Amino acid sequence: MEFTVLAVGDVVGDAGVDFLSAHLRAVRRQKAVHFCVVNGENAAGLGILPRQADALLDAGADVITLGNHTFARTQILPYLDDCPRILRPANLAPQLPGRGFGVFEAAGGLRVAVGNL
């Protein structure tokens, strides 16, 4: 069975979020993408805001990964615990909000494990 993963790197600013909102679903259809991971750690320039995370998920991202700018926007802190589809780096201190890995349902009923380091 063929399984197609789309990894979108470093969405920057509202312009990047808007671009994915306008085009990601079409790309997923055209390329028959089963699972899509989007790096959103710079969606707010540095960090990401909850509204931007929601927009990326609504646009068709299955999972959002973050990086060293994860905690640049404090508004994201509660969201990290509440939304299992956004992953901060797993190699950060375990007492910090959020999670660094997860198992997700993909198109076709497959389960995909994503770890973020």
N, C-alpha and C. Protein backbone atom coordinates (compact mmCIF):
# COMPACT_ATOMS: atom_id res chain seq x y z
N MET A 1 0.84 -1.17 0.00
CA MET A 1 0.00 0.00 0.00
C MET A 1 0.89 1.25 0.00
N GLU A 2 0.54 2.18 -0.81
CA GLU A 2 1.26 3.45 -0.86
C GLU A 2 0.67 4.41 0.17
N PHE A 3 1.54 5.13 0.86
CA PHE A 3 1.12 6.09 1.88
C PHE A 3 1.89 7.38 1.65
N THR A 4 1.18 8.48 1.45
CA THR A 4 1.82 9.75 1.12
C THR A 4 1.72 10.71 2.29
N VAL A 5 2.89 11.21 2.71
CA VAL A 5 2.97 12.20 3.79
C VAL A 5 3.47 13.50 3.19
N LEU A 6 2.81 14.59 3.53
CA LEU A 6 3.26 15.92 3.14
C LEU A 6 3.78 16.61 4.39
N ALA A 7 5.03 17.05 4.35
CA ALA A 7 5.62 17.81 5.44
C ALA A 7 5.84 19.23 4.95
N VAL A 8 5.19 20.18 5.59
CA VAL A 8 5.30 21.59 5.23
C VAL A 8 6.18 22.26 6.27
N GLY A 9 7.28 22.83 5.81
CA GLY A 9 8.24 23.43 6.74
C GLY A 9 8.02 24.91 6.94
N ASP A 10 8.11 25.28 8.16
CA ASP A 10 8.19 26.66 8.64
C ASP A 10 7.25 27.65 7.96
N VAL A 11 6.01 27.60 8.36
CA VAL A 11 5.03 28.59 7.94
C VAL A 11 5.34 29.88 8.71
N VAL A 12 5.53 30.97 7.98
CA VAL A 12 5.95 32.22 8.61
C VAL A 12 4.88 33.29 8.45
N GLY A 13 4.43 33.83 9.58
CA GLY A 13 3.51 34.95 9.61
C GLY A 13 2.12 34.62 9.11
N ASP A 14 1.26 35.62 9.20
CA ASP A 14 -0.11 35.46 8.72
C ASP A 14 -0.15 35.18 7.22
N ALA A 15 0.82 35.71 6.48
CA ALA A 15 0.86 35.44 5.04
C ALA A 15 1.02 33.95 4.76
N GLY A 16 1.87 33.28 5.52
CA GLY A 16 2.05 31.84 5.37
C GLY A 16 0.80 31.07 5.76
N VAL A 17 0.18 31.48 6.85
CA VAL A 17 -1.06 30.84 7.30
C VAL A 17 -2.15 31.04 6.25
N ASP A 18 -2.28 32.26 5.75
CA ASP A 18 -3.28 32.54 4.72
C ASP A 18 -3.05 31.72 3.45
N PHE A 19 -1.77 31.58 3.06
CA PHE A 19 -1.45 30.80 1.86
C PHE A 19 -1.89 29.35 2.04
N LEU A 20 -1.57 28.77 3.19
CA LEU A 20 -1.98 27.38 3.41
C LEU A 20 -3.50 27.26 3.49
N SER A 21 -4.14 28.25 4.10
CA SER A 21 -5.61 28.22 4.18
C SER A 21 -6.23 28.20 2.79
N ALA A 22 -5.59 28.88 1.86
CA ALA A 22 -6.12 28.95 0.50
C ALA A 22 -5.75 27.75 -0.36
N HIS A 23 -4.64 27.05 -0.04
CA HIS A 23 -4.12 26.06 -0.99
C HIS A 23 -3.89 24.64 -0.46
N LEU A 24 -3.81 24.46 0.85
CA LEU A 24 -3.41 23.14 1.36
C LEU A 24 -4.39 22.03 0.98
N ARG A 25 -5.66 22.26 1.09
CA ARG A 25 -6.63 21.20 0.76
C ARG A 25 -6.53 20.78 -0.71
N ALA A 26 -6.32 21.73 -1.60
CA ALA A 26 -6.18 21.40 -3.02
C ALA A 26 -4.91 20.58 -3.26
N VAL A 27 -3.83 20.95 -2.61
CA VAL A 27 -2.58 20.19 -2.76
C VAL A 27 -2.76 18.78 -2.22
N ARG A 28 -3.44 18.65 -1.10
CA ARG A 28 -3.69 17.32 -0.54
C ARG A 28 -4.47 16.45 -1.52
N ARG A 29 -5.48 17.04 -2.17
CA ARG A 29 -6.27 16.27 -3.15
C ARG A 29 -5.43 15.91 -4.37
N GLN A 30 -4.72 16.91 -4.92
CA GLN A 30 -3.93 16.69 -6.14
C GLN A 30 -2.85 15.63 -5.95
N LYS A 31 -2.24 15.60 -4.78
CA LYS A 31 -1.12 14.69 -4.51
C LYS A 31 -1.55 13.45 -3.73
N ALA A 32 -2.83 13.31 -3.48
CA ALA A 32 -3.37 12.16 -2.73
C ALA A 32 -2.64 11.97 -1.40
N VAL A 33 -2.54 13.05 -0.66
CA VAL A 33 -1.83 13.05 0.62
C VAL A 33 -2.71 12.39 1.69
N HIS A 34 -2.13 11.43 2.39
CA HIS A 34 -2.84 10.74 3.46
C HIS A 34 -2.66 11.42 4.82
N PHE A 35 -1.53 12.11 4.98
CA PHE A 35 -1.23 12.72 6.28
C PHE A 35 -0.34 13.93 6.06
N CYS A 36 -0.63 15.02 6.78
CA CYS A 36 0.10 16.27 6.59
C CYS A 36 0.58 16.84 7.92
N VAL A 37 1.88 17.07 8.01
CA VAL A 37 2.51 17.69 9.17
C VAL A 37 2.97 19.08 8.75
N VAL A 38 2.60 20.09 9.54
CA VAL A 38 2.97 21.48 9.25
C VAL A 38 3.78 22.02 10.41
N ASN A 39 4.95 22.59 10.13
CA ASN A 39 5.71 23.27 11.17
C ASN A 39 5.19 24.69 11.27
N GLY A 40 4.66 25.04 12.44
CA GLY A 40 4.04 26.34 12.62
C GLY A 40 4.72 27.23 13.63
N GLU A 41 5.96 26.91 13.99
CA GLU A 41 6.59 27.64 15.10
C GLU A 41 6.86 29.11 14.82
N ASN A 42 6.76 29.54 13.58
CA ASN A 42 6.97 30.96 13.26
C ASN A 42 5.73 31.60 12.62
N ALA A 43 4.58 30.99 12.85
CA ALA A 43 3.35 31.54 12.28
C ALA A 43 3.06 32.95 12.80
N ALA A 44 3.55 33.27 13.99
CA ALA A 44 3.36 34.61 14.56
C ALA A 44 4.66 35.41 14.48
N GLY A 45 5.50 35.09 13.52
CA GLY A 45 6.83 35.70 13.43
C GLY A 45 7.79 34.89 14.27
N LEU A 46 7.58 34.91 15.56
CA LEU A 46 8.21 33.97 16.51
C LEU A 46 7.07 33.35 17.30
N GLY A 47 6.98 32.05 17.30
CA GLY A 47 5.90 31.37 18.00
C GLY A 47 4.64 31.28 17.16
N ILE A 48 3.58 30.87 17.82
CA ILE A 48 2.29 30.69 17.16
C ILE A 48 1.19 31.08 18.13
N LEU A 49 0.13 31.63 17.60
CA LEU A 49 -1.05 32.01 18.39
C LEU A 49 -2.14 30.95 18.20
N PRO A 50 -3.02 30.77 19.16
CA PRO A 50 -4.09 29.77 19.00
C PRO A 50 -4.91 29.96 17.74
N ARG A 51 -5.22 31.19 17.35
CA ARG A 51 -6.03 31.41 16.13
C ARG A 51 -5.27 30.91 14.90
N GLN A 52 -3.95 31.03 14.90
CA GLN A 52 -3.16 30.55 13.77
C GLN A 52 -3.10 29.02 13.77
N ALA A 53 -2.97 28.43 14.94
CA ALA A 53 -3.00 26.97 15.02
C ALA A 53 -4.34 26.44 14.52
N ASP A 54 -5.42 27.06 14.95
CA ASP A 54 -6.75 26.65 14.47
C ASP A 54 -6.85 26.78 12.96
N ALA A 55 -6.32 27.87 12.42
CA ALA A 55 -6.39 28.09 10.97
C ALA A 55 -5.60 27.02 10.22
N LEU A 56 -4.44 26.64 10.73
CA LEU A 56 -3.63 25.61 10.07
C LEU A 56 -4.33 24.25 10.13
N LEU A 57 -4.93 23.93 11.26
CA LEU A 57 -5.67 22.68 11.36
C LEU A 57 -6.90 22.70 10.45
N ASP A 58 -7.60 23.82 10.43
CA ASP A 58 -8.77 23.96 9.54
C ASP A 58 -8.37 23.89 8.07
N ALA A 59 -7.15 24.32 7.76
CA ALA A 59 -6.67 24.31 6.38
C ALA A 59 -6.35 22.91 5.89
N GLY A 60 -6.20 21.96 6.82
CA GLY A 60 -5.92 20.59 6.40
C GLY A 60 -4.69 19.96 7.03
N ALA A 61 -4.03 20.65 7.95
CA ALA A 61 -2.91 20.04 8.66
C ALA A 61 -3.47 18.99 9.62
N ASP A 62 -2.84 17.83 9.64
CA ASP A 62 -3.23 16.81 10.62
C ASP A 62 -2.54 17.05 11.95
N VAL A 63 -1.31 17.56 11.89
CA VAL A 63 -0.51 17.83 13.08
C VAL A 63 0.31 19.09 12.82
N ILE A 64 0.49 19.89 13.87
CA ILE A 64 1.37 21.05 13.82
C ILE A 64 2.55 20.78 14.74
N THR A 65 3.75 20.96 14.24
CA THR A 65 4.94 20.85 15.07
C THR A 65 5.47 22.25 15.37
N LEU A 66 6.10 22.37 16.52
CA LEU A 66 6.72 23.62 16.94
C LEU A 66 8.20 23.36 17.20
N GLY A 67 8.93 24.41 17.54
CA GLY A 67 10.36 24.25 17.76
C GLY A 67 10.85 25.16 18.87
N ASN A 68 12.03 25.71 18.68
CA ASN A 68 12.65 26.51 19.74
C ASN A 68 11.89 27.80 20.05
N HIS A 69 10.96 28.20 19.19
CA HIS A 69 10.16 29.40 19.46
C HIS A 69 8.78 29.05 20.05
N THR A 70 8.61 27.82 20.49
CA THR A 70 7.32 27.35 20.99
C THR A 70 6.71 28.31 22.01
N PHE A 71 7.50 28.79 22.95
CA PHE A 71 6.96 29.56 24.06
C PHE A 71 7.13 31.06 23.89
N ALA A 72 7.36 31.50 22.66
CA ALA A 72 7.51 32.93 22.39
C ALA A 72 6.19 33.68 22.57
N ARG A 73 5.08 33.02 22.41
CA ARG A 73 3.74 33.63 22.57
C ARG A 73 3.03 32.90 23.71
N THR A 74 2.87 33.55 24.84
CA THR A 74 2.28 32.89 26.00
C THR A 74 0.83 32.49 25.78
N GLN A 75 0.16 33.09 24.80
CA GLN A 75 -1.23 32.74 24.53
C GLN A 75 -1.38 31.28 24.12
N ILE A 76 -0.31 30.65 23.66
CA ILE A 76 -0.38 29.27 23.19
C ILE A 76 -0.31 28.26 24.34
N LEU A 77 0.12 28.69 25.52
CA LEU A 77 0.38 27.75 26.61
C LEU A 77 -0.82 26.86 26.94
N PRO A 78 -2.03 27.38 27.19
CA PRO A 78 -3.16 26.48 27.48
C PRO A 78 -3.50 25.58 26.29
N TYR A 79 -3.33 26.10 25.10
CA TYR A 79 -3.64 25.36 23.88
C TYR A 79 -2.77 24.11 23.76
N LEU A 80 -1.52 24.21 24.21
CA LEU A 80 -0.60 23.07 24.11
C LEU A 80 -1.10 21.87 24.90
N ASP A 81 -1.74 22.11 26.04
CA ASP A 81 -2.30 21.01 26.82
C ASP A 81 -3.65 20.56 26.28
N ASP A 82 -4.41 21.49 25.70
CA ASP A 82 -5.78 21.20 25.27
C ASP A 82 -5.88 20.54 23.90
N CYS A 83 -4.92 20.79 23.03
CA CYS A 83 -4.99 20.29 21.65
C CYS A 83 -3.92 19.24 21.40
N PRO A 84 -4.30 17.99 21.27
CA PRO A 84 -3.30 16.93 21.04
C PRO A 84 -2.66 16.99 19.66
N ARG A 85 -3.19 17.82 18.76
CA ARG A 85 -2.67 17.87 17.39
C ARG A 85 -1.59 18.94 17.20
N ILE A 86 -1.13 19.54 18.28
CA ILE A 86 -0.02 20.48 18.20
C ILE A 86 1.07 19.94 19.13
N LEU A 87 2.28 19.79 18.57
CA LEU A 87 3.37 19.16 19.30
C LEU A 87 4.53 20.12 19.52
N ARG A 88 4.93 20.28 20.76
CA ARG A 88 6.15 21.02 21.06
C ARG A 88 7.29 20.01 21.05
N PRO A 89 8.54 20.46 21.05
CA PRO A 89 9.64 19.50 21.07
C PRO A 89 9.59 18.61 22.31
N ALA A 90 9.74 17.32 22.11
CA ALA A 90 9.71 16.35 23.21
C ALA A 90 10.92 16.47 24.11
N ASN A 91 12.00 17.02 23.59
CA ASN A 91 13.22 17.10 24.38
C ASN A 91 13.30 18.37 25.23
N LEU A 92 12.18 19.08 25.39
CA LEU A 92 12.09 20.17 26.35
C LEU A 92 11.73 19.59 27.72
N ALA A 93 11.84 20.37 28.75
CA ALA A 93 11.55 19.90 30.10
C ALA A 93 10.14 19.31 30.18
N PRO A 94 10.00 18.14 30.80
CA PRO A 94 8.70 17.46 30.83
C PRO A 94 7.61 18.21 31.58
N GLN A 95 7.96 19.13 32.48
CA GLN A 95 6.94 19.86 33.22
C GLN A 95 6.33 21.01 32.41
N LEU A 96 6.89 21.30 31.24
CA LEU A 96 6.34 22.35 30.38
C LEU A 96 5.03 21.88 29.75
N PRO A 97 4.16 22.82 29.38
CA PRO A 97 2.88 22.44 28.77
C PRO A 97 3.06 21.69 27.45
N GLY A 98 2.09 20.88 27.15
CA GLY A 98 2.05 20.21 25.85
C GLY A 98 2.71 18.85 25.86
N ARG A 99 2.84 18.34 24.65
CA ARG A 99 3.41 17.00 24.45
C ARG A 99 4.31 17.04 23.24
N GLY A 100 5.21 16.10 23.16
CA GLY A 100 6.18 16.07 22.07
C GLY A 100 5.95 14.95 21.07
N PHE A 101 4.94 14.14 21.30
CA PHE A 101 4.66 13.04 20.37
C PHE A 101 3.19 12.68 20.47
N GLY A 102 2.73 11.98 19.47
CA GLY A 102 1.36 11.52 19.46
C GLY A 102 1.13 10.49 18.37
N VAL A 103 0.03 9.79 18.48
CA VAL A 103 -0.38 8.82 17.46
C VAL A 103 -1.71 9.33 16.92
N PHE A 104 -1.78 9.42 15.58
CA PHE A 104 -2.90 10.08 14.92
C PHE A 104 -3.50 9.18 13.85
N GLU A 105 -4.80 9.37 13.62
CA GLU A 105 -5.49 8.66 12.54
C GLU A 105 -5.22 9.38 11.23
N ALA A 106 -4.87 8.63 10.22
CA ALA A 106 -4.62 9.18 8.88
C ALA A 106 -5.70 8.69 7.94
N ALA A 107 -5.75 9.32 6.76
CA ALA A 107 -6.68 8.86 5.73
C ALA A 107 -6.42 7.38 5.45
N GLY A 108 -7.45 6.65 5.21
CA GLY A 108 -7.31 5.22 4.94
C GLY A 108 -7.29 4.38 6.20
N GLY A 109 -7.51 5.02 7.36
CA GLY A 109 -7.59 4.28 8.61
C GLY A 109 -6.26 3.89 9.23
N LEU A 110 -5.17 4.35 8.67
CA LEU A 110 -3.86 4.05 9.25
C LEU A 110 -3.58 4.94 10.43
N ARG A 111 -2.75 4.45 11.33
CA ARG A 111 -2.32 5.24 12.48
C ARG A 111 -0.87 5.66 12.24
N VAL A 112 -0.59 6.93 12.53
CA VAL A 112 0.72 7.51 12.29
C VAL A 112 1.25 8.06 13.61
N ALA A 113 2.47 7.67 13.96
CA ALA A 113 3.13 8.22 15.14
C ALA A 113 4.01 9.37 14.68
N VAL A 114 3.90 10.50 15.39
CA VAL A 114 4.72 11.67 15.09
C VAL A 114 5.45 12.05 16.37
N GLY A 115 6.77 12.17 16.26
CA GLY A 115 7.58 12.65 17.37
C GLY A 115 8.26 13.94 16.92
N ASN A 116 8.36 14.89 17.83
CA ASN A 116 8.94 16.18 17.51
C ASN A 116 10.14 16.41 18.42
N LEU A 117 11.32 16.42 17.81
CA LEU A 117 12.56 16.67 18.58
C LEU A 117 13.29 17.85 18.01
